[in-house]
Amino acid sequence: MSSAPLMILGCGFTGTAAARLALDRGDAVVATTRDPARAASLRQMGVEARALPALDGDAVRAMVADGARVLVTFPPDGRTDALVADRLPAGTRVAYVSTTGVYGARRGVIDETTPVDGDSPRAALRLEAEGRWRAAGAVVLRAAGIYGPGRGLHRRLREGTFRLPDDATKVVSRVHVVDLAALCLAALDRGLRDVAFPVADDAPVPQAEVVRWLVARLGVAPPTTVAIGDAPETLRHDRSVDNRAVKAALGVALRFPTYREGFEDCLAHEA
């Protein structure tokens, strides 16, 4: 338990998981969201949730107490990060959830030494946001594909909306939302500053392996295939995230080290 409150800016899927973990250990949690329904749900959990249509520096400065820990989980829009990041009180501990999308088209092993690739507009926007928050002292966690109860490949296979690339040998990394949330809290507890880590589980594997396992586990028909060029960008990559540095820096062992434990947890929660 930390005496400092946890402030979650843009409390969506990952932020809600972090809020739940923080509440479980006795922390006070304040969160913002644009969605009034989500705010109501967060309040039922015990979060002091505020539904705000937009964030600005004055509003955030008024909400963030001295000594607070701030978790930033909203996607970049080219505006809000610049308005908010430099208005935090001195000494605020900050964790920013980014994405492995900042590595662009790079293949192979991705670790903390891998150069980023901001050639695409989407990656450039994310890297600009990272820079704003790192200038404010944030630790940046670049998450691979985030999944968990209610969200992920298992849901798309059940719904019949997933299309498997015809070259499904490409390696994909993922991270269970609870493990990502735990790493976020650990980063804030440790007080790391101005450093970035890629984040994923312990077992990057070819997408086809995960699909075969889930199809058998769910008892659903195999998905139809599409040409690799027509698949979503995240399924065209061929890279494995090495998570050893972030686990060592934060002293965290993952609760769901492979997709098997992770998807079993999803299915148990959704049963």
C-alpha atoms as a PDB file:
ATOM      1  CA  MET A   1       0.000   0.000   0.000  1.00  0.00           C
ATOM      2  CA  SER A   2       1.183   3.524  -0.787  1.00  0.00           C
ATOM      3  CA  SER A   3       0.166   6.617   1.204  1.00  0.00           C
ATOM      4  CA  ALA A   4       0.097   8.652  -2.004  1.00  0.00           C
ATOM      5  CA  PRO A   5      -3.160   8.555  -3.976  1.00  0.00           C
ATOM      6  CA  LEU A   6      -3.210   7.032  -7.435  1.00  0.00           C
ATOM      7  CA  MET A   7      -4.501   9.348 -10.179  1.00  0.00           C
ATOM      8  CA  ILE A   8      -5.483   7.639 -13.445  1.00  0.00           C
ATOM      9  CA  LEU A   9      -5.870   9.931 -16.436  1.00  0.00           C
ATOM     10  CA  GLY A  10      -8.105   8.445 -19.133  1.00  0.00           C
ATOM     11  CA  CYS A  11      -9.241   5.388 -17.189  1.00  0.00           C
ATOM     12  CA  GLY A  12     -10.155   2.762 -19.784  1.00  0.00           C
ATOM     13  CA  PHE A  13      -9.359  -0.955 -20.016  1.00  0.00           C
ATOM     14  CA  THR A  14      -5.844  -0.809 -18.566  1.00  0.00           C
ATOM     15  CA  GLY A  15      -6.637   1.969 -16.121  1.00  0.00           C
ATOM     16  CA  THR A  16      -9.581   0.055 -14.689  1.00  0.00           C
ATOM     17  CA  ALA A  17      -7.387  -2.995 -14.101  1.00  0.00           C
ATOM     18  CA  ALA A  18      -4.820  -0.796 -12.353  1.00  0.00           C
ATOM     19  CA  ALA A  19      -7.539   0.825 -10.249  1.00  0.00           C
ATOM     20  CA  ARG A  20      -8.793  -2.573  -9.128  1.00  0.00           C
ATOM     21  CA  LEU A  21      -5.305  -3.712  -8.101  1.00  0.00           C
ATOM     22  CA  ALA A  22      -4.654  -0.449  -6.262  1.00  0.00           C
ATOM     23  CA  LEU A  23      -7.962  -0.626  -4.389  1.00  0.00           C
ATOM     24  CA  ASP A  24      -7.266  -4.232  -3.429  1.00  0.00           C
ATOM     25  CA  ARG A  25      -4.097  -3.161  -1.668  1.00  0.00           C
ATOM     26  CA  GLY A  26      -5.776  -0.227   0.094  1.00  0.00           C
ATOM     27  CA  ASP A  27      -4.774   2.705  -2.080  1.00  0.00           C
ATOM     28  CA  ALA A  28      -7.036   5.672  -2.713  1.00  0.00           C
ATOM     29  CA  VAL A  29      -7.779   6.021  -6.438  1.00  0.00           C
ATOM     30  CA  VAL A  30      -8.967   9.035  -8.407  1.00  0.00           C
ATOM     31  CA  ALA A  31      -9.695   8.647 -12.117  1.00  0.00           C
ATOM     32  CA  THR A  32     -10.893  10.615 -15.103  1.00  0.00           C
ATOM     33  CA  THR A  33     -12.865   9.346 -18.072  1.00  0.00           C
ATOM     34  CA  ARG A  34     -14.882  10.924 -20.879  1.00  0.00           C
ATOM     35  CA  ASP A  35     -17.610   8.290 -20.453  1.00  0.00           C
ATOM     36  CA  PRO A  36     -20.213   9.017 -17.721  1.00  0.00           C
ATOM     37  CA  ALA A  37     -21.282   5.348 -17.686  1.00  0.00           C
ATOM     38  CA  ARG A  38     -17.710   4.235 -17.080  1.00  0.00           C
ATOM     39  CA  ALA A  39     -17.373   6.832 -14.349  1.00  0.00           C
ATOM     40  CA  ALA A  40     -20.450   5.392 -12.643  1.00  0.00           C
ATOM     41  CA  SER A  41     -18.999   1.878 -12.887  1.00  0.00           C
ATOM     42  CA  LEU A  42     -15.700   3.054 -11.416  1.00  0.00           C
ATOM     43  CA  ARG A  43     -17.507   4.704  -8.513  1.00  0.00           C
ATOM     44  CA  GLN A  44     -19.197   1.390  -7.729  1.00  0.00           C
ATOM     45  CA  MET A  45     -15.701  -0.113  -7.445  1.00  0.00           C
ATOM     46  CA  GLY A  46     -14.707   2.554  -4.930  1.00  0.00           C
ATOM     47  CA  VAL A  47     -12.883   4.928  -7.266  1.00  0.00           C
ATOM     48  CA  GLU A  48     -13.358   8.681  -7.024  1.00  0.00           C
ATOM     49  CA  ALA A  49     -14.214   8.971 -10.707  1.00  0.00           C
ATOM     50  CA  ARG A  50     -14.795  12.176 -12.644  1.00  0.00           C
ATOM     51  CA  ALA A  51     -16.401  12.298 -16.068  1.00  0.00           C
ATOM     52  CA  LEU A  52     -14.652  15.052 -18.033  1.00  0.00           C
ATOM     53  CA  PRO A  53     -15.186  15.663 -21.758  1.00  0.00           C
ATOM     54  CA  ALA A  54     -11.550  16.769 -22.064  1.00  0.00           C
ATOM     55  CA  LEU A  55      -8.439  17.179 -19.962  1.00  0.00           C
ATOM     56  CA  ASP A  56      -6.559  20.422 -19.591  1.00  0.00           C
ATOM     57  CA  GLY A  57      -3.639  21.511 -17.499  1.00  0.00           C
ATOM     58  CA  ASP A  58      -5.641  23.536 -14.984  1.00  0.00           C
ATOM     59  CA  ALA A  59      -8.142  20.754 -14.322  1.00  0.00           C
ATOM     60  CA  VAL A  60      -5.441  18.149 -13.832  1.00  0.00           C
ATOM     61  CA  ARG A  61      -3.305  20.450 -11.676  1.00  0.00           C
ATOM     62  CA  ALA A  62      -6.293  21.006  -9.394  1.00  0.00           C
ATOM     63  CA  MET A  63      -6.890  17.262  -9.039  1.00  0.00           C
ATOM     64  CA  VAL A  64      -3.330  16.008  -8.561  1.00  0.00           C
ATOM     65  CA  ALA A  65      -2.158  16.404  -4.985  1.00  0.00           C
ATOM     66  CA  ASP A  66       1.480  16.838  -4.060  1.00  0.00           C
ATOM     67  CA  GLY A  67       3.124  13.431  -3.835  1.00  0.00           C
ATOM     68  CA  ALA A  68       0.503  11.768  -6.017  1.00  0.00           C
ATOM     69  CA  ARG A  69       1.238   8.969  -8.441  1.00  0.00           C
ATOM     70  CA  VAL A  70      -0.158   9.484 -11.930  1.00  0.00           C
ATOM     71  CA  LEU A  71      -0.922   6.748 -14.450  1.00  0.00           C
ATOM     72  CA  VAL A  72      -1.588   8.007 -17.979  1.00  0.00           C
ATOM     73  CA  THR A  73      -3.533   5.611 -20.171  1.00  0.00           C
ATOM     74  CA  PHE A  74      -5.339   7.773 -22.733  1.00  0.00           C
ATOM     75  CA  PRO A  75      -4.251   7.596 -26.402  1.00  0.00           C
ATOM     76  CA  PRO A  76      -2.496  10.625 -27.885  1.00  0.00           C
ATOM     77  CA  ASP A  77      -4.531  13.208 -29.781  1.00  0.00           C
ATOM     78  CA  GLY A  78      -1.731  15.653 -30.598  1.00  0.00           C
ATOM     79  CA  ARG A  79      -2.981  18.151 -28.043  1.00  0.00           C
ATOM     80  CA  THR A  80      -3.821  16.886 -24.573  1.00  0.00           C
ATOM     81  CA  ASP A  81      -0.400  15.514 -23.601  1.00  0.00           C
ATOM     82  CA  ALA A  82       1.204  18.900 -24.231  1.00  0.00           C
ATOM     83  CA  LEU A  83      -1.456  20.644 -22.129  1.00  0.00           C
ATOM     84  CA  VAL A  84      -1.210  18.321 -19.169  1.00  0.00           C
ATOM     85  CA  ALA A  85       2.281  16.844 -18.831  1.00  0.00           C
ATOM     86  CA  ASP A  86       4.096  19.971 -17.717  1.00  0.00           C
ATOM     87  CA  ARG A  87       1.396  21.049 -15.235  1.00  0.00           C
ATOM     88  CA  LEU A  88       1.979  18.270 -12.742  1.00  0.00           C
ATOM     89  CA  PRO A  89       3.356  19.203  -9.309  1.00  0.00           C
ATOM     90  CA  ALA A  90       7.078  18.766  -8.828  1.00  0.00           C
ATOM     91  CA  GLY A  91       7.955  15.306  -7.566  1.00  0.00           C
ATOM     92  CA  THR A  92       4.908  13.601  -9.071  1.00  0.00           C
ATOM     93  CA  ARG A  93       5.598  10.018 -10.040  1.00  0.00           C
ATOM     94  CA  VAL A  94       4.296   9.253 -13.530  1.00  0.00           C
ATOM     95  CA  ALA A  95       3.831   6.091 -15.594  1.00  0.00           C
ATOM     96  CA  TYR A  96       2.747   6.382 -19.223  1.00  0.00           C
ATOM     97  CA  VAL A  97       1.235   3.441 -21.104  1.00  0.00           C
ATOM     98  CA  SER A  98       2.447   3.449 -24.702  1.00  0.00           C
ATOM     99  CA  THR A  99       2.576   0.742 -27.353  1.00  0.00           C
ATOM    100  CA  THR A 100       5.102  -1.406 -29.190  1.00  0.00           C
ATOM    101  CA  GLY A 101       3.697   0.303 -32.271  1.00  0.00           C
ATOM    102  CA  VAL A 102       6.499   2.856 -31.787  1.00  0.00           C
ATOM    103  CA  TYR A 103       8.890   0.223 -33.185  1.00  0.00           C
ATOM    104  CA  GLY A 104       7.154   0.507 -36.545  1.00  0.00           C
ATOM    105  CA  ALA A 105       8.029  -2.222 -39.018  1.00  0.00           C
ATOM    106  CA  ARG A 106      11.030  -3.538 -37.086  1.00  0.00           C
ATOM    107  CA  ARG A 107      11.225  -7.336 -36.903  1.00  0.00           C
ATOM    108  CA  GLY A 108      12.960  -9.846 -34.708  1.00  0.00           C
ATOM    109  CA  VAL A 109      13.635  -9.374 -31.009  1.00  0.00           C
ATOM    110  CA  ILE A 110      12.465  -6.112 -29.452  1.00  0.00           C
ATOM    111  CA  ASP A 111      14.062  -5.049 -26.186  1.00  0.00           C
ATOM    112  CA  GLU A 112      14.865  -1.868 -24.290  1.00  0.00           C
ATOM    113  CA  THR A 113      17.781  -1.106 -26.639  1.00  0.00           C
ATOM    114  CA  THR A 114      15.783  -1.381 -29.885  1.00  0.00           C
ATOM    115  CA  PRO A 115      15.526   1.950 -31.753  1.00  0.00           C
ATOM    116  CA  VAL A 116      12.036   3.316 -32.276  1.00  0.00           C
ATOM    117  CA  ASP A 117      10.645   3.975 -35.747  1.00  0.00           C
ATOM    118  CA  GLY A 118       8.465   7.043 -36.123  1.00  0.00           C
ATOM    119  CA  ASP A 119       7.987   6.883 -39.881  1.00  0.00           C
ATOM    120  CA  SER A 120       4.231   6.344 -39.701  1.00  0.00           C
ATOM    121  CA  PRO A 121       2.002   9.216 -38.525  1.00  0.00           C
ATOM    122  CA  ARG A 122       0.524   7.014 -35.817  1.00  0.00           C
ATOM    123  CA  ALA A 123       3.930   6.093 -34.388  1.00  0.00           C
ATOM    124  CA  ALA A 124       5.131   9.680 -34.655  1.00  0.00           C
ATOM    125  CA  LEU A 125       2.123  10.905 -32.669  1.00  0.00           C
ATOM    126  CA  ARG A 126       2.722   8.313 -29.962  1.00  0.00           C
ATOM    127  CA  LEU A 127       6.432   9.133 -29.753  1.00  0.00           C
ATOM    128  CA  GLU A 128       5.626  12.827 -29.411  1.00  0.00           C
ATOM    129  CA  ALA A 129       3.360  11.986 -26.474  1.00  0.00           C
ATOM    130  CA  GLU A 130       6.041   9.774 -24.940  1.00  0.00           C
ATOM    131  CA  GLY A 131       8.488  12.653 -25.175  1.00  0.00           C
ATOM    132  CA  ARG A 132       6.123  15.008 -23.371  1.00  0.00           C
ATOM    133  CA  TRP A 133       5.669  12.601 -20.492  1.00  0.00           C
ATOM    134  CA  ARG A 134       9.315  11.574 -20.283  1.00  0.00           C
ATOM    135  CA  ALA A 135      10.216  15.252 -20.013  1.00  0.00           C
ATOM    136  CA  ALA A 136       7.903  15.259 -16.982  1.00  0.00           C
ATOM    137  CA  GLY A 137       9.874  12.320 -15.552  1.00  0.00           C
ATOM    138  CA  ALA A 138       7.600   9.469 -16.626  1.00  0.00           C
ATOM    139  CA  VAL A 139       8.530   5.836 -16.969  1.00  0.00           C
ATOM    140  CA  VAL A 140       7.101   4.613 -20.286  1.00  0.00           C
ATOM    141  CA  LEU A 141       5.697   1.103 -20.683  1.00  0.00           C
ATOM    142  CA  ARG A 142       5.361   0.136 -24.359  1.00  0.00           C
ATOM    143  CA  ALA A 143       2.735  -2.564 -24.267  1.00  0.00           C
ATOM    144  CA  ALA A 144       2.326  -5.338 -26.807  1.00  0.00           C
ATOM    145  CA  GLY A 145      -1.239  -6.418 -27.662  1.00  0.00           C
ATOM    146  CA  ILE A 146      -3.326  -5.972 -24.511  1.00  0.00           C
ATOM    147  CA  TYR A 147      -5.999  -8.562 -23.763  1.00  0.00           C
ATOM    148  CA  GLY A 148      -8.062  -9.718 -20.832  1.00  0.00           C
ATOM    149  CA  PRO A 149     -11.618 -10.570 -19.789  1.00  0.00           C
ATOM    150  CA  GLY A 150     -13.947  -8.975 -22.309  1.00  0.00           C
ATOM    151  CA  ARG A 151     -11.268  -8.104 -24.835  1.00  0.00           C
ATOM    152  CA  GLY A 152      -8.949 -10.131 -27.014  1.00  0.00           C
ATOM    153  CA  LEU A 153      -8.516 -12.818 -29.631  1.00  0.00           C
ATOM    154  CA  HIS A 154     -10.779 -15.251 -27.773  1.00  0.00           C
ATOM    155  CA  ARG A 155     -13.706 -12.855 -28.159  1.00  0.00           C
ATOM    156  CA  ARG A 156     -13.122 -12.310 -31.864  1.00  0.00           C
ATOM    157  CA  LEU A 157     -12.883 -16.047 -32.494  1.00  0.00           C
ATOM    158  CA  ARG A 158     -16.134 -16.651 -30.622  1.00  0.00           C
ATOM    159  CA  GLU A 159     -17.843 -13.873 -32.564  1.00  0.00           C
ATOM    160  CA  GLY A 160     -16.429 -15.065 -35.888  1.00  0.00           C
ATOM    161  CA  THR A 161     -14.874 -11.680 -36.667  1.00  0.00           C
ATOM    162  CA  PHE A 162     -11.212 -12.701 -36.642  1.00  0.00           C
ATOM    163  CA  ARG A 163      -9.416 -13.312 -39.943  1.00  0.00           C
ATOM    164  CA  LEU A 164      -6.128 -15.183 -39.811  1.00  0.00           C
ATOM    165  CA  PRO A 165      -3.346 -13.985 -42.144  1.00  0.00           C
ATOM    166  CA  ASP A 166      -2.363 -16.623 -44.684  1.00  0.00           C
ATOM    167  CA  ASP A 167       1.204 -16.325 -43.355  1.00  0.00           C
ATOM    168  CA  ALA A 168       0.436 -17.017 -39.705  1.00  0.00           C
ATOM    169  CA  THR A 169       3.985 -18.062 -38.838  1.00  0.00           C
ATOM    170  CA  LYS A 170       4.780 -14.498 -37.795  1.00  0.00           C
ATOM    171  CA  VAL A 171       5.491 -14.104 -34.099  1.00  0.00           C
ATOM    172  CA  VAL A 172       3.159 -11.917 -32.053  1.00  0.00           C
ATOM    173  CA  SER A 173       3.609 -10.719 -28.473  1.00  0.00           C
ATOM    174  CA  ARG A 174       0.801  -9.906 -26.057  1.00  0.00           C
ATOM    175  CA  VAL A 175       0.281  -8.976 -22.406  1.00  0.00           C
ATOM    176  CA  HIS A 176      -2.610  -9.680 -20.045  1.00  0.00           C
ATOM    177  CA  VAL A 177      -4.126  -6.443 -18.775  1.00  0.00           C
ATOM    178  CA  VAL A 178      -3.664  -7.466 -15.130  1.00  0.00           C
ATOM    179  CA  ASP A 179       0.069  -7.979 -15.641  1.00  0.00           C
ATOM    180  CA  LEU A 180       0.349  -4.646 -17.427  1.00  0.00           C
ATOM    181  CA  ALA A 181      -1.520  -2.960 -14.583  1.00  0.00           C
ATOM    182  CA  ALA A 182       0.766  -4.589 -12.007  1.00  0.00           C
ATOM    183  CA  LEU A 183       3.828  -3.351 -13.888  1.00  0.00           C
ATOM    184  CA  CYS A 184       2.364   0.164 -13.985  1.00  0.00           C
ATOM    185  CA  LEU A 185       1.874   0.192 -10.221  1.00  0.00           C
ATOM    186  CA  ALA A 186       5.347  -1.234  -9.644  1.00  0.00           C
ATOM    187  CA  ALA A 187       6.872   1.469 -11.848  1.00  0.00           C
ATOM    188  CA  LEU A 188       5.140   4.139  -9.776  1.00  0.00           C
ATOM    189  CA  ASP A 189       6.153   2.479  -6.507  1.00  0.00           C
ATOM    190  CA  ARG A 190       9.782   2.278  -7.610  1.00  0.00           C
ATOM    191  CA  GLY A 191       9.814   5.901  -8.733  1.00  0.00           C
ATOM    192  CA  LEU A 192      11.635   5.232 -11.985  1.00  0.00           C
ATOM    193  CA  ARG A 193      12.046   8.325 -14.160  1.00  0.00           C
ATOM    194  CA  ASP A 194      12.575   9.053 -17.852  1.00  0.00           C
ATOM    195  CA  VAL A 195      13.054   5.448 -19.007  1.00  0.00           C
ATOM    196  CA  ALA A 196      11.141   3.262 -21.465  1.00  0.00           C
ATOM    197  CA  PHE A 197      10.577  -0.499 -21.560  1.00  0.00           C
ATOM    198  CA  PRO A 198       8.742  -2.786 -23.988  1.00  0.00           C
ATOM    199  CA  VAL A 199       6.212  -4.927 -22.131  1.00  0.00           C
ATOM    200  CA  ALA A 200       4.824  -8.360 -23.018  1.00  0.00           C
ATOM    201  CA  ASP A 201       4.397 -11.803 -21.517  1.00  0.00           C
ATOM    202  CA  ASP A 202       7.135 -14.442 -21.328  1.00  0.00           C
ATOM    203  CA  ALA A 203       6.124 -16.381 -24.451  1.00  0.00           C
ATOM    204  CA  PRO A 204       5.974 -14.653 -27.830  1.00  0.00           C
ATOM    205  CA  VAL A 205       4.720 -17.297 -30.280  1.00  0.00           C
ATOM    206  CA  PRO A 206       3.421 -17.534 -33.852  1.00  0.00           C
ATOM    207  CA  GLN A 207      -0.149 -16.298 -34.128  1.00  0.00           C
ATOM    208  CA  ALA A 208      -1.209 -19.629 -35.655  1.00  0.00           C
ATOM    209  CA  GLU A 209      -0.260 -21.467 -32.448  1.00  0.00           C
ATOM    210  CA  VAL A 210      -2.499 -19.272 -30.318  1.00  0.00           C
ATOM    211  CA  VAL A 211      -5.371 -19.557 -32.790  1.00  0.00           C
ATOM    212  CA  ARG A 212      -5.130 -23.369 -32.884  1.00  0.00           C
ATOM    213  CA  TRP A 213      -5.114 -23.568 -29.094  1.00  0.00           C
ATOM    214  CA  LEU A 214      -8.074 -21.233 -28.704  1.00  0.00           C
ATOM    215  CA  VAL A 215     -10.104 -22.909 -31.457  1.00  0.00           C
ATOM    216  CA  ALA A 216      -9.688 -26.250 -29.681  1.00  0.00           C
ATOM    217  CA  ARG A 217     -10.343 -24.745 -26.256  1.00  0.00           C
ATOM    218  CA  LEU A 218     -13.462 -22.858 -27.363  1.00  0.00           C
ATOM    219  CA  GLY A 219     -14.795 -25.552 -29.697  1.00  0.00           C
ATOM    220  CA  VAL A 220     -15.317 -23.061 -32.527  1.00  0.00           C
ATOM    221  CA  ALA A 221     -14.623 -23.293 -36.239  1.00  0.00           C
ATOM    222  CA  PRO A 222     -11.180 -22.213 -37.441  1.00  0.00           C
ATOM    223  CA  PRO A 223     -11.192 -18.644 -38.764  1.00  0.00           C
ATOM    224  CA  THR A 224     -11.087 -17.866 -42.455  1.00  0.00           C
ATOM    225  CA  THR A 225      -7.797 -16.579 -43.827  1.00  0.00           C
ATOM    226  CA  VAL A 226      -6.891 -13.375 -45.618  1.00  0.00           C
ATOM    227  CA  ALA A 227      -3.832 -12.302 -47.550  1.00  0.00           C
ATOM    228  CA  ILE A 228      -1.135 -10.994 -45.244  1.00  0.00           C
ATOM    229  CA  GLY A 229      -1.342  -7.612 -46.926  1.00  0.00           C
ATOM    230  CA  ASP A 230      -5.019  -7.326 -46.009  1.00  0.00           C
ATOM    231  CA  ALA A 231      -4.520  -8.232 -42.350  1.00  0.00           C
ATOM    232  CA  PRO A 232      -4.384  -5.556 -39.637  1.00  0.00           C
ATOM    233  CA  GLU A 233      -0.960  -4.017 -39.226  1.00  0.00           C
ATOM    234  CA  THR A 234      -0.459  -5.610 -35.801  1.00  0.00           C
ATOM    235  CA  LEU A 235      -0.769  -9.090 -37.391  1.00  0.00           C
ATOM    236  CA  ARG A 236       1.725  -8.329 -40.157  1.00  0.00           C
ATOM    237  CA  HIS A 237       4.582  -7.781 -37.730  1.00  0.00           C
ATOM    238  CA  ASP A 238       7.042 -10.580 -36.974  1.00  0.00           C
ATOM    239  CA  ARG A 239       8.733  -9.778 -33.694  1.00  0.00           C
ATOM    240  CA  SER A 240       9.084 -11.003 -30.136  1.00  0.00           C
ATOM    241  CA  VAL A 241       9.258  -8.700 -27.142  1.00  0.00           C
ATOM    242  CA  ASP A 242      11.985  -9.486 -24.617  1.00  0.00           C
ATOM    243  CA  ASN A 243      10.507  -8.515 -21.237  1.00  0.00           C
ATOM    244  CA  ARG A 244      13.450  -9.383 -18.996  1.00  0.00           C
ATOM    245  CA  ALA A 245      14.574  -5.793 -18.435  1.00  0.00           C
ATOM    246  CA  VAL A 246      11.223  -4.482 -17.232  1.00  0.00           C
ATOM    247  CA  LYS A 247      10.664  -7.454 -14.905  1.00  0.00           C
ATOM    248  CA  ALA A 248      14.131  -7.052 -13.423  1.00  0.00           C
ATOM    249  CA  ALA A 249      13.800  -3.285 -13.012  1.00  0.00           C
ATOM    250  CA  LEU A 250      10.420  -3.545 -11.319  1.00  0.00           C
ATOM    251  CA  GLY A 251      10.820  -6.841  -9.465  1.00  0.00           C
ATOM    252  CA  VAL A 252       7.605  -8.241 -10.915  1.00  0.00           C
ATOM    253  CA  ALA A 253       6.791 -11.845 -11.828  1.00  0.00           C
ATOM    254  CA  LEU A 254       3.912 -12.107 -14.263  1.00  0.00           C
ATOM    255  CA  ARG A 255       0.693 -13.713 -13.115  1.00  0.00           C
ATOM    256  CA  PHE A 256      -0.024 -14.830 -16.688  1.00  0.00           C
ATOM    257  CA  PRO A 257       3.355 -15.665 -18.251  1.00  0.00           C
ATOM    258  CA  THR A 258       1.910 -17.254 -21.412  1.00  0.00           C
ATOM    259  CA  TYR A 259      -1.241 -17.005 -23.483  1.00  0.00           C
ATOM    260  CA  ARG A 260      -2.509 -20.255 -21.980  1.00  0.00           C
ATOM    261  CA  GLU A 261      -2.778 -18.940 -18.416  1.00  0.00           C
ATOM    262  CA  GLY A 262      -4.000 -15.597 -19.713  1.00  0.00           C
ATOM    263  CA  PHE A 263      -6.820 -16.883 -21.877  1.00  0.00           C
ATOM    264  CA  GLU A 264      -7.864 -19.431 -19.255  1.00  0.00           C
ATOM    265  CA  ASP A 265      -8.304 -16.488 -16.897  1.00  0.00           C
ATOM    266  CA  CYS A 266     -10.397 -14.687 -19.516  1.00  0.00           C
ATOM    267  CA  LEU A 267     -12.645 -17.689 -20.012  1.00  0.00           C
ATOM    268  CA  ALA A 268     -13.052 -18.216 -16.279  1.00  0.00           C
ATOM    269  CA  HIS A 269     -14.133 -14.611 -15.771  1.00  0.00           C
ATOM    270  CA  GLU A 270     -16.516 -14.720 -18.726  1.00  0.00           C
ATOM    271  CA  ALA A 271     -18.091 -18.068 -17.876  1.00  0.00           C
END
